[in-house]
Structure formats: C-alpha cells, structure tokens
Amino acid sequence: MTIKLLAIGKTDNTNLQSLIEDYQKRLGHYVKFEFEIIPDLKKVKHLSEAQQKQKEGELILSKLNPTDVLLLLDENGKQLDSVGFSSYLQKHMNSGIKRLVFVIGGPYGFSQDVYQKALGKLSLSKMTFSHQMVRLFVIEQLYRAFTILKNEPYHHR
C-alpha cells in the first residue's frame, strides 16, 4: 500500500520543512509514502469562499486515481488517539487498497465534491493549527502509528 498526503500551498517555514523531511524519511522505512503540494490558487481576492473551495476541490480530485481511498483532515472529523489511529491504518492496510490518500485542505475547508468522494474524516484535535503545522503532525502520527504496529519504542504506552 502507498500512503499519500496532499496539501494546498507550500511550506514556507524552513524549520517546519526540515522536520517534515525528517519524518518523511523515517516513514519511508515502513511504507511507500508520497507527499504532494498543490500550489496555492492565484488571484483569490476576487473569489468567494465557496468559489475558492470549489477550485481547490477540483485540483484535489484531479490528483486522485479511481481506486484511491480518500480521507480528509477536517475539524469535524473523528478523533483518535495514536493507538486508535494505528489500528485504523492497519484496517485499511488489511483491506487490500492500493493507495490511501490523506488531504489537508485550504483555509476554508473542502468543497462538497471532495466531501462526497471521501471515505471518512479525521480530526487531529479540537484546537486549530496552521495548515503548515498540520502537515508535520500528520506525517509524525503516521510514523508513530507504524512504530506502534511494529512494537517499536518510539511510542511509549
């Protein structure tokens, strides 16, 4: 199985980017992992929130294969602890899917088309984090989940 993370807009904080790259490398020891940035939309001043979500949604959906399983990182999604998340990942791996795609949306969330395509929604916290920090948190939690599944000492229970 391949795990892919899609995110809108580049990470401009070099410290965060360095940490993201570190966890990407670590994660690569367990699973094929892809991280793709969808460039920010241009000229958004003249777009409504709905129009911006629609355009971002089209870009997100264009990056998917027909057999991909789509999971959205959404403030209204299901919250799991790290052990629960590792079990959640294991279920998907056991189901035989080829690619599991996590998506971090733009500043206004997702279009209805993206919500309709998604298998589920996950929330990292009730708190709000910057979109750039969420990337690091997701990749770190994926890494943590695999260390839990392998009974490695990274995650202390």
C-alpha atoms as a PDB file:
ATOM      1  CA  MET A   1       0.000   0.000   0.000  1.00  0.00           C
ATOM      2  CA  THR A   2       1.036   3.569  -0.638  1.00  0.00           C
ATOM      3  CA  ILE A   3       0.103   6.440   1.640  1.00  0.00           C
ATOM      4  CA  LYS A   4      -0.133   9.857   0.049  1.00  0.00           C
ATOM      5  CA  LEU A   5      -0.535  13.218   1.730  1.00  0.00           C
ATOM      6  CA  LEU A   6      -1.931  16.068  -0.368  1.00  0.00           C
ATOM      7  CA  ALA A   7      -1.793  19.626   0.908  1.00  0.00           C
ATOM      8  CA  ILE A   8      -2.740  23.010  -0.506  1.00  0.00           C
ATOM      9  CA  GLY A   9       0.104  25.553  -0.591  1.00  0.00           C
ATOM     10  CA  LYS A  10       3.818  25.260   0.071  1.00  0.00           C
ATOM     11  CA  THR A  11       5.516  25.206   3.468  1.00  0.00           C
ATOM     12  CA  ASP A  12       7.476  28.440   3.740  1.00  0.00           C
ATOM     13  CA  ASN A  13       8.894  27.825   7.226  1.00  0.00           C
ATOM     14  CA  THR A  14      12.290  26.169   6.768  1.00  0.00           C
ATOM     15  CA  ASN A  15      12.304  24.723  10.296  1.00  0.00           C
ATOM     16  CA  LEU A  16       8.966  23.004   9.713  1.00  0.00           C
ATOM     17  CA  GLN A  17      10.089  21.836   6.274  1.00  0.00           C
ATOM     18  CA  SER A  18      13.196  20.264   7.794  1.00  0.00           C
ATOM     19  CA  LEU A  19      11.115  18.365  10.371  1.00  0.00           C
ATOM     20  CA  ILE A  20       8.640  17.253   7.697  1.00  0.00           C
ATOM     21  CA  GLU A  21      11.502  15.883   5.610  1.00  0.00           C
ATOM     22  CA  ASP A  22      12.951  14.076   8.633  1.00  0.00           C
ATOM     23  CA  TYR A  23       9.671  12.289   9.383  1.00  0.00           C
ATOM     24  CA  GLN A  24       9.096  11.556   5.684  1.00  0.00           C
ATOM     25  CA  LYS A  25      12.447   9.778   5.606  1.00  0.00           C
ATOM     26  CA  ARG A  26      11.613   7.829   8.778  1.00  0.00           C
ATOM     27  CA  LEU A  27       8.187   6.871   7.461  1.00  0.00           C
ATOM     28  CA  GLY A  28       9.774   5.548   4.274  1.00  0.00           C
ATOM     29  CA  HIS A  29      11.192   2.623   6.259  1.00  0.00           C
ATOM     30  CA  TYR A  30       7.656   1.292   6.812  1.00  0.00           C
ATOM     31  CA  VAL A  31       5.551   2.228   3.815  1.00  0.00           C
ATOM     32  CA  LYS A  32       5.745   3.850   0.414  1.00  0.00           C
ATOM     33  CA  PHE A  33       4.925   7.470   1.219  1.00  0.00           C
ATOM     34  CA  GLU A  34       4.223  10.337  -1.154  1.00  0.00           C
ATOM     35  CA  PHE A  35       3.786  13.989  -0.207  1.00  0.00           C
ATOM     36  CA  GLU A  36       2.416  16.333  -2.848  1.00  0.00           C
ATOM     37  CA  ILE A  37       1.814  20.042  -2.612  1.00  0.00           C
ATOM     38  CA  ILE A  38      -0.978  21.568  -4.668  1.00  0.00           C
ATOM     39  CA  PRO A  39       0.045  25.177  -5.383  1.00  0.00           C
ATOM     40  CA  ASP A  40      -1.989  27.962  -3.805  1.00  0.00           C
ATOM     41  CA  LEU A  41      -4.650  29.428  -6.054  1.00  0.00           C
ATOM     42  CA  LYS A  42      -3.739  32.705  -7.727  1.00  0.00           C
ATOM     43  CA  LYS A  43      -5.923  35.830  -7.652  1.00  0.00           C
ATOM     44  CA  VAL A  44      -8.185  34.651  -4.813  1.00  0.00           C
ATOM     45  CA  LYS A  45      -9.189  38.195  -3.786  1.00  0.00           C
ATOM     46  CA  HIS A  46     -11.961  38.095  -6.369  1.00  0.00           C
ATOM     47  CA  LEU A  47     -13.217  34.645  -5.360  1.00  0.00           C
ATOM     48  CA  SER A  48     -15.821  33.888  -2.715  1.00  0.00           C
ATOM     49  CA  GLU A  49     -15.086  31.217  -0.091  1.00  0.00           C
ATOM     50  CA  ALA A  50     -17.326  28.813  -1.997  1.00  0.00           C
ATOM     51  CA  GLN A  51     -15.549  29.507  -5.294  1.00  0.00           C
ATOM     52  CA  GLN A  52     -12.154  29.040  -3.681  1.00  0.00           C
ATOM     53  CA  LYS A  53     -13.239  25.718  -2.119  1.00  0.00           C
ATOM     54  CA  GLN A  54     -14.642  24.600  -5.478  1.00  0.00           C
ATOM     55  CA  LYS A  55     -11.427  25.398  -7.370  1.00  0.00           C
ATOM     56  CA  GLU A  56      -9.250  23.748  -4.712  1.00  0.00           C
ATOM     57  CA  GLY A  57     -11.605  20.768  -4.742  1.00  0.00           C
ATOM     58  CA  GLU A  58     -11.163  20.346  -8.485  1.00  0.00           C
ATOM     59  CA  LEU A  59      -7.382  20.377  -8.021  1.00  0.00           C
ATOM     60  CA  ILE A  60      -7.587  17.819  -5.201  1.00  0.00           C
ATOM     61  CA  LEU A  61      -9.853  15.477  -7.156  1.00  0.00           C
ATOM     62  CA  SER A  62      -7.599  15.736 -10.232  1.00  0.00           C
ATOM     63  CA  LYS A  63      -4.754  14.204  -8.164  1.00  0.00           C
ATOM     64  CA  LEU A  64      -6.706  11.047  -7.319  1.00  0.00           C
ATOM     65  CA  ASN A  65      -6.766   7.676  -9.015  1.00  0.00           C
ATOM     66  CA  PRO A  66     -10.153   5.937  -9.330  1.00  0.00           C
ATOM     67  CA  THR A  67      -9.202   3.281  -6.750  1.00  0.00           C
ATOM     68  CA  ASP A  68      -7.777   5.690  -4.144  1.00  0.00           C
ATOM     69  CA  VAL A  69      -9.302   5.772  -0.683  1.00  0.00           C
ATOM     70  CA  LEU A  70      -9.650   9.409   0.354  1.00  0.00           C
ATOM     71  CA  LEU A  71      -9.503  10.568   3.989  1.00  0.00           C
ATOM     72  CA  LEU A  72      -9.907  14.232   4.851  1.00  0.00           C
ATOM     73  CA  LEU A  73      -8.220  16.026   7.711  1.00  0.00           C
ATOM     74  CA  ASP A  74     -11.184  18.036   8.883  1.00  0.00           C
ATOM     75  CA  GLU A  75     -12.030  19.820  12.118  1.00  0.00           C
ATOM     76  CA  ASN A  76     -15.351  17.931  12.267  1.00  0.00           C
ATOM     77  CA  GLY A  77     -13.741  14.539  11.705  1.00  0.00           C
ATOM     78  CA  LYS A  78     -13.372  11.590  14.030  1.00  0.00           C
ATOM     79  CA  GLN A  79     -10.741  11.976  16.732  1.00  0.00           C
ATOM     80  CA  LEU A  80      -8.486   9.038  17.517  1.00  0.00           C
ATOM     81  CA  ASP A  81      -5.624   8.601  19.925  1.00  0.00           C
ATOM     82  CA  SER A  82      -2.334   7.357  18.460  1.00  0.00           C
ATOM     83  CA  VAL A  83      -3.023   3.689  19.218  1.00  0.00           C
ATOM     84  CA  GLY A  84      -6.515   4.006  17.710  1.00  0.00           C
ATOM     85  CA  PHE A  85      -5.039   5.663  14.629  1.00  0.00           C
ATOM     86  CA  SER A  86      -2.550   2.806  14.213  1.00  0.00           C
ATOM     87  CA  SER A  87      -5.452   0.310  14.331  1.00  0.00           C
ATOM     88  CA  TYR A  88      -7.359   2.459  11.820  1.00  0.00           C
ATOM     89  CA  LEU A  89      -4.366   2.337   9.461  1.00  0.00           C
ATOM     90  CA  GLN A  90      -3.981  -1.416   9.960  1.00  0.00           C
ATOM     91  CA  LYS A  91      -7.624  -1.981   8.937  1.00  0.00           C
ATOM     92  CA  HIS A  92      -7.027  -0.059   5.718  1.00  0.00           C
ATOM     93  CA  MET A  93      -3.823  -1.968   5.006  1.00  0.00           C
ATOM     94  CA  ASN A  94      -5.621  -5.274   5.607  1.00  0.00           C
ATOM     95  CA  SER A  95      -8.402  -4.288   3.196  1.00  0.00           C
ATOM     96  CA  GLY A  96      -6.062  -4.542   0.218  1.00  0.00           C
ATOM     97  CA  ILE A  97      -6.355  -0.968  -1.021  1.00  0.00           C
ATOM     98  CA  LYS A  98      -3.566   0.307  -3.248  1.00  0.00           C
ATOM     99  CA  ARG A  99      -3.361   3.911  -2.107  1.00  0.00           C
ATOM    100  CA  LEU A 100      -4.661   5.731   0.942  1.00  0.00           C
ATOM    101  CA  VAL A 101      -4.758   9.496   0.411  1.00  0.00           C
ATOM    102  CA  PHE A 102      -4.943  11.998   3.257  1.00  0.00           C
ATOM    103  CA  VAL A 103      -5.799  15.569   2.304  1.00  0.00           C
ATOM    104  CA  ILE A 104      -5.192  18.833   4.130  1.00  0.00           C
ATOM    105  CA  GLY A 105      -7.492  21.377   2.547  1.00  0.00           C
ATOM    106  CA  GLY A 106      -7.172  25.093   2.063  1.00  0.00           C
ATOM    107  CA  PRO A 107      -8.113  27.782   4.565  1.00  0.00           C
ATOM    108  CA  TYR A 108     -11.880  27.315   4.067  1.00  0.00           C
ATOM    109  CA  GLY A 109     -12.003  23.523   4.062  1.00  0.00           C
ATOM    110  CA  PHE A 110     -13.311  21.291   1.309  1.00  0.00           C
ATOM    111  CA  SER A 111     -15.880  21.509  -1.469  1.00  0.00           C
ATOM    112  CA  GLN A 112     -18.964  19.280  -1.413  1.00  0.00           C
ATOM    113  CA  ASP A 113     -17.487  17.232  -4.263  1.00  0.00           C
ATOM    114  CA  VAL A 114     -14.438  16.384  -2.147  1.00  0.00           C
ATOM    115  CA  TYR A 115     -16.611  15.510   0.871  1.00  0.00           C
ATOM    116  CA  GLN A 116     -18.707  13.199  -1.333  1.00  0.00           C
ATOM    117  CA  LYS A 117     -15.621  11.371  -2.654  1.00  0.00           C
ATOM    118  CA  ALA A 118     -14.099  10.886   0.810  1.00  0.00           C
ATOM    119  CA  LEU A 119     -14.411   7.658   2.757  1.00  0.00           C
ATOM    120  CA  GLY A 120     -14.019   9.477   6.043  1.00  0.00           C
ATOM    121  CA  LYS A 121     -12.827  12.480   8.004  1.00  0.00           C
ATOM    122  CA  LEU A 122     -10.245  12.650  10.764  1.00  0.00           C
ATOM    123  CA  SER A 123      -9.559  15.485  13.176  1.00  0.00           C
ATOM    124  CA  LEU A 124      -6.188  15.897  14.863  1.00  0.00           C
ATOM    125  CA  SER A 125      -7.606  17.996  17.691  1.00  0.00           C
ATOM    126  CA  LYS A 126     -10.392  20.330  18.705  1.00  0.00           C
ATOM    127  CA  MET A 127      -7.738  23.043  18.569  1.00  0.00           C
ATOM    128  CA  THR A 128      -6.908  24.903  15.373  1.00  0.00           C
ATOM    129  CA  PHE A 129      -3.419  24.531  13.897  1.00  0.00           C
ATOM    130  CA  SER A 130      -1.805  26.249  10.943  1.00  0.00           C
ATOM    131  CA  HIS A 131      -2.046  24.256   7.719  1.00  0.00           C
ATOM    132  CA  GLN A 132       1.738  24.086   7.641  1.00  0.00           C
ATOM    133  CA  MET A 133       1.975  22.573  11.132  1.00  0.00           C
ATOM    134  CA  VAL A 134      -0.761  20.048  10.373  1.00  0.00           C
ATOM    135  CA  ARG A 135       1.477  18.538   7.676  1.00  0.00           C
ATOM    136  CA  LEU A 136       4.162  17.813  10.239  1.00  0.00           C
ATOM    137  CA  PHE A 137       1.636  16.449  12.739  1.00  0.00           C
ATOM    138  CA  VAL A 138       0.068  14.089  10.184  1.00  0.00           C
ATOM    139  CA  ILE A 139       3.396  12.718   8.989  1.00  0.00           C
ATOM    140  CA  GLU A 140       4.633  12.307  12.571  1.00  0.00           C
ATOM    141  CA  GLN A 141       1.419  10.486  13.539  1.00  0.00           C
ATOM    142  CA  LEU A 142       1.761   8.186  10.523  1.00  0.00           C
ATOM    143  CA  TYR A 143       5.315   7.399  11.612  1.00  0.00           C
ATOM    144  CA  ARG A 144       4.159   6.879  15.200  1.00  0.00           C
ATOM    145  CA  ALA A 145       1.375   4.557  14.019  1.00  0.00           C
ATOM    146  CA  PHE A 146       3.836   2.312  12.209  1.00  0.00           C
ATOM    147  CA  THR A 147       6.156   2.179  15.216  1.00  0.00           C
ATOM    148  CA  ILE A 148       3.143   1.161  17.324  1.00  0.00           C
ATOM    149  CA  LEU A 149       2.207  -1.560  14.839  1.00  0.00           C
ATOM    150  CA  LYS A 150       5.796  -2.855  14.907  1.00  0.00           C
ATOM    151  CA  ASN A 151       6.017  -2.641  18.719  1.00  0.00           C
ATOM    152  CA  GLU A 152       8.964  -0.281  18.471  1.00  0.00           C
ATOM    153  CA  PRO A 153       9.886   2.013  21.366  1.00  0.00           C
ATOM    154  CA  TYR A 154       9.140   5.395  19.730  1.00  0.00           C
ATOM    155  CA  HIS A 155       5.640   5.429  21.239  1.00  0.00           C
ATOM    156  CA  HIS A 156       5.648   4.852  24.997  1.00  0.00           C
ATOM    157  CA  ARG A 157       2.391   3.351  26.212  1.00  0.00           C
END
